[in-house]
């Protein structure tokens, strides 16, 4: 079994677990719009996985994306905006004629 096949098998196992979870949600919530969408989404993902077929043997994997940089959720220093223009108001030192 090649690397592509093991990736497909892992994705299939994850989809089966997701399908089971959505089935439990369906029992808990009943036939709601959200549940119907989840059922549809899982079915579409399963169809997409089947549609992939075997991987192209000539495909060369691209570079692994760099790790994302986390930006802290803190207030910016107010001095950063000192001479900034407010959208719709123009620069604070300009007045309409």
C-alpha atoms as a PDB file:
ATOM      1  CA  UNK A   1       0.000   0.000   0.000  1.00  0.00           C
ATOM      2  CA  UNK A   2       1.540   3.332  -1.082  1.00  0.00           C
ATOM      3  CA  UNK A   3       1.569   6.613   0.804  1.00  0.00           C
ATOM      4  CA  UNK A   4      -1.428   7.936  -1.143  1.00  0.00           C
ATOM      5  CA  UNK A   5      -3.491   4.867  -0.278  1.00  0.00           C
ATOM      6  CA  UNK A   6      -2.727   5.214   3.427  1.00  0.00           C
ATOM      7  CA  UNK A   7      -3.734   8.891   3.260  1.00  0.00           C
ATOM      8  CA  UNK A   8      -7.022   7.966   1.601  1.00  0.00           C
ATOM      9  CA  UNK A   9      -7.613   5.229   4.183  1.00  0.00           C
ATOM     10  CA  UNK A  10      -6.944   7.701   7.024  1.00  0.00           C
ATOM     11  CA  UNK A  11      -9.335  10.223   5.480  1.00  0.00           C
ATOM     12  CA  UNK A  12     -11.949   7.463   5.022  1.00  0.00           C
ATOM     13  CA  UNK A  13     -11.657   6.476   8.701  1.00  0.00           C
ATOM     14  CA  UNK A  14     -12.034  10.125   9.725  1.00  0.00           C
ATOM     15  CA  UNK A  15     -15.125  10.462   7.507  1.00  0.00           C
ATOM     16  CA  UNK A  16     -16.627   7.301   9.003  1.00  0.00           C
ATOM     17  CA  UNK A  17     -16.114   8.757  12.496  1.00  0.00           C
ATOM     18  CA  UNK A  18     -17.650  12.052  11.357  1.00  0.00           C
ATOM     19  CA  UNK A  19     -20.587  10.191   9.822  1.00  0.00           C
ATOM     20  CA  UNK A  20     -21.182   8.376  13.130  1.00  0.00           C
ATOM     21  CA  UNK A  21     -20.978  11.683  15.045  1.00  0.00           C
ATOM     22  CA  UNK A  22     -23.455  13.344  12.708  1.00  0.00           C
ATOM     23  CA  UNK A  23     -25.764  10.333  13.161  1.00  0.00           C
ATOM     24  CA  UNK A  24     -25.678  10.908  16.928  1.00  0.00           C
ATOM     25  CA  UNK A  25     -26.395  14.622  16.397  1.00  0.00           C
ATOM     26  CA  UNK A  26     -29.338  13.663  14.215  1.00  0.00           C
ATOM     27  CA  UNK A  27     -30.766  11.511  17.021  1.00  0.00           C
ATOM     28  CA  UNK A  28     -30.236  14.337  19.530  1.00  0.00           C
ATOM     29  CA  UNK A  29     -31.452  17.290  17.430  1.00  0.00           C
ATOM     30  CA  UNK A  30     -33.881  15.632  15.043  1.00  0.00           C
ATOM     31  CA  UNK A  31     -34.392  16.567  11.401  1.00  0.00           C
ATOM     32  CA  UNK A  32     -33.232  20.192  11.506  1.00  0.00           C
ATOM     33  CA  UNK A  33     -31.745  22.253   8.693  1.00  0.00           C
ATOM     34  CA  UNK A  34     -28.329  22.147  10.372  1.00  0.00           C
ATOM     35  CA  UNK A  35     -28.398  18.358  10.686  1.00  0.00           C
ATOM     36  CA  UNK A  36     -29.507  17.954   7.066  1.00  0.00           C
ATOM     37  CA  UNK A  37     -26.616  20.190   5.970  1.00  0.00           C
ATOM     38  CA  UNK A  38     -24.136  18.174   8.023  1.00  0.00           C
ATOM     39  CA  UNK A  39     -25.424  14.906   6.534  1.00  0.00           C
ATOM     40  CA  UNK A  40     -25.123  16.416   3.043  1.00  0.00           C
ATOM     41  CA  UNK A  41     -21.625  17.753   3.738  1.00  0.00           C
ATOM     42  CA  UNK A  42     -20.361  14.376   4.983  1.00  0.00           C
ATOM     43  CA  UNK A  43     -21.846  12.645   1.919  1.00  0.00           C
ATOM     44  CA  UNK A  44     -20.204  15.197  -0.386  1.00  0.00           C
ATOM     45  CA  UNK A  45     -16.833  14.745   1.321  1.00  0.00           C
ATOM     46  CA  UNK A  46     -17.141  10.985   0.948  1.00  0.00           C
ATOM     47  CA  UNK A  47     -18.003  11.364  -2.752  1.00  0.00           C
ATOM     48  CA  UNK A  48     -15.041  13.717  -3.238  1.00  0.00           C
ATOM     49  CA  UNK A  49     -12.706  11.215  -1.600  1.00  0.00           C
ATOM     50  CA  UNK A  50     -13.917   8.417  -3.891  1.00  0.00           C
ATOM     51  CA  UNK A  51     -13.599  10.709  -6.912  1.00  0.00           C
ATOM     52  CA  UNK A  52      -9.905  11.291  -6.209  1.00  0.00           C
ATOM     53  CA  UNK A  53      -8.990   7.858  -7.538  1.00  0.00           C
ATOM     54  CA  UNK A  54      -5.385   6.718  -7.332  1.00  0.00           C
ATOM     55  CA  UNK A  55      -2.732   9.417  -6.987  1.00  0.00           C
ATOM     56  CA  UNK A  56      -0.752  10.442 -10.081  1.00  0.00           C
ATOM     57  CA  UNK A  57       2.569   8.553  -9.853  1.00  0.00           C
ATOM     58  CA  UNK A  58       4.351  11.511 -11.489  1.00  0.00           C
ATOM     59  CA  UNK A  59       3.020  14.082  -8.998  1.00  0.00           C
ATOM     60  CA  UNK A  60       5.768  15.787  -7.028  1.00  0.00           C
ATOM     61  CA  UNK A  61       4.550  17.111  -3.673  1.00  0.00           C
ATOM     62  CA  UNK A  62       4.970  20.853  -3.249  1.00  0.00           C
ATOM     63  CA  UNK A  63       6.826  22.471  -0.372  1.00  0.00           C
ATOM     64  CA  UNK A  64       5.364  22.095   3.086  1.00  0.00           C
ATOM     65  CA  UNK A  65       3.735  25.406   4.060  1.00  0.00           C
ATOM     66  CA  UNK A  66       5.558  27.389   6.699  1.00  0.00           C
ATOM     67  CA  UNK A  67       4.105  27.429  10.166  1.00  0.00           C
ATOM     68  CA  UNK A  68       1.599  30.221  10.663  1.00  0.00           C
ATOM     69  CA  UNK A  69       2.625  33.100  12.862  1.00  0.00           C
ATOM     70  CA  UNK A  70       0.298  33.666  15.787  1.00  0.00           C
ATOM     71  CA  UNK A  71      -0.657  37.305  16.346  1.00  0.00           C
ATOM     72  CA  UNK A  72      -1.501  38.053  19.974  1.00  0.00           C
ATOM     73  CA  UNK A  73      -4.979  39.381  20.685  1.00  0.00           C
ATOM     74  CA  UNK A  74      -3.949  42.510  22.562  1.00  0.00           C
ATOM     75  CA  UNK A  75      -4.703  46.198  22.051  1.00  0.00           C
ATOM     76  CA  UNK A  76      -2.382  48.022  19.681  1.00  0.00           C
ATOM     77  CA  UNK A  77      -0.358  50.951  20.975  1.00  0.00           C
ATOM     78  CA  UNK A  78      -2.579  54.014  20.345  1.00  0.00           C
ATOM     79  CA  UNK A  79       0.463  56.081  19.238  1.00  0.00           C
ATOM     80  CA  UNK A  80       0.551  53.879  16.136  1.00  0.00           C
ATOM     81  CA  UNK A  81      -2.495  55.760  14.827  1.00  0.00           C
ATOM     82  CA  UNK A  82      -1.415  59.318  15.730  1.00  0.00           C
ATOM     83  CA  UNK A  83      -1.291  60.833  12.222  1.00  0.00           C
ATOM     84  CA  UNK A  84      -3.606  58.354  10.509  1.00  0.00           C
ATOM     85  CA  UNK A  85      -6.601  59.448   8.481  1.00  0.00           C
ATOM     86  CA  UNK A  86      -9.989  58.084   9.426  1.00  0.00           C
ATOM     87  CA  UNK A  87     -11.780  56.624   6.457  1.00  0.00           C
ATOM     88  CA  UNK A  88     -14.511  58.991   5.370  1.00  0.00           C
ATOM     89  CA  UNK A  89     -13.242  61.904   7.472  1.00  0.00           C
ATOM     90  CA  UNK A  90      -9.894  62.699   5.840  1.00  0.00           C
ATOM     91  CA  UNK A  91      -6.844  63.963   7.661  1.00  0.00           C
ATOM     92  CA  UNK A  92      -7.580  65.683  10.988  1.00  0.00           C
ATOM     93  CA  UNK A  93      -5.768  68.878   9.893  1.00  0.00           C
ATOM     94  CA  UNK A  94      -7.727  69.274   6.628  1.00  0.00           C
ATOM     95  CA  UNK A  95     -11.063  71.004   6.633  1.00  0.00           C
ATOM     96  CA  UNK A  96     -13.671  71.154   3.885  1.00  0.00           C
ATOM     97  CA  UNK A  97     -13.952  74.604   2.202  1.00  0.00           C
END
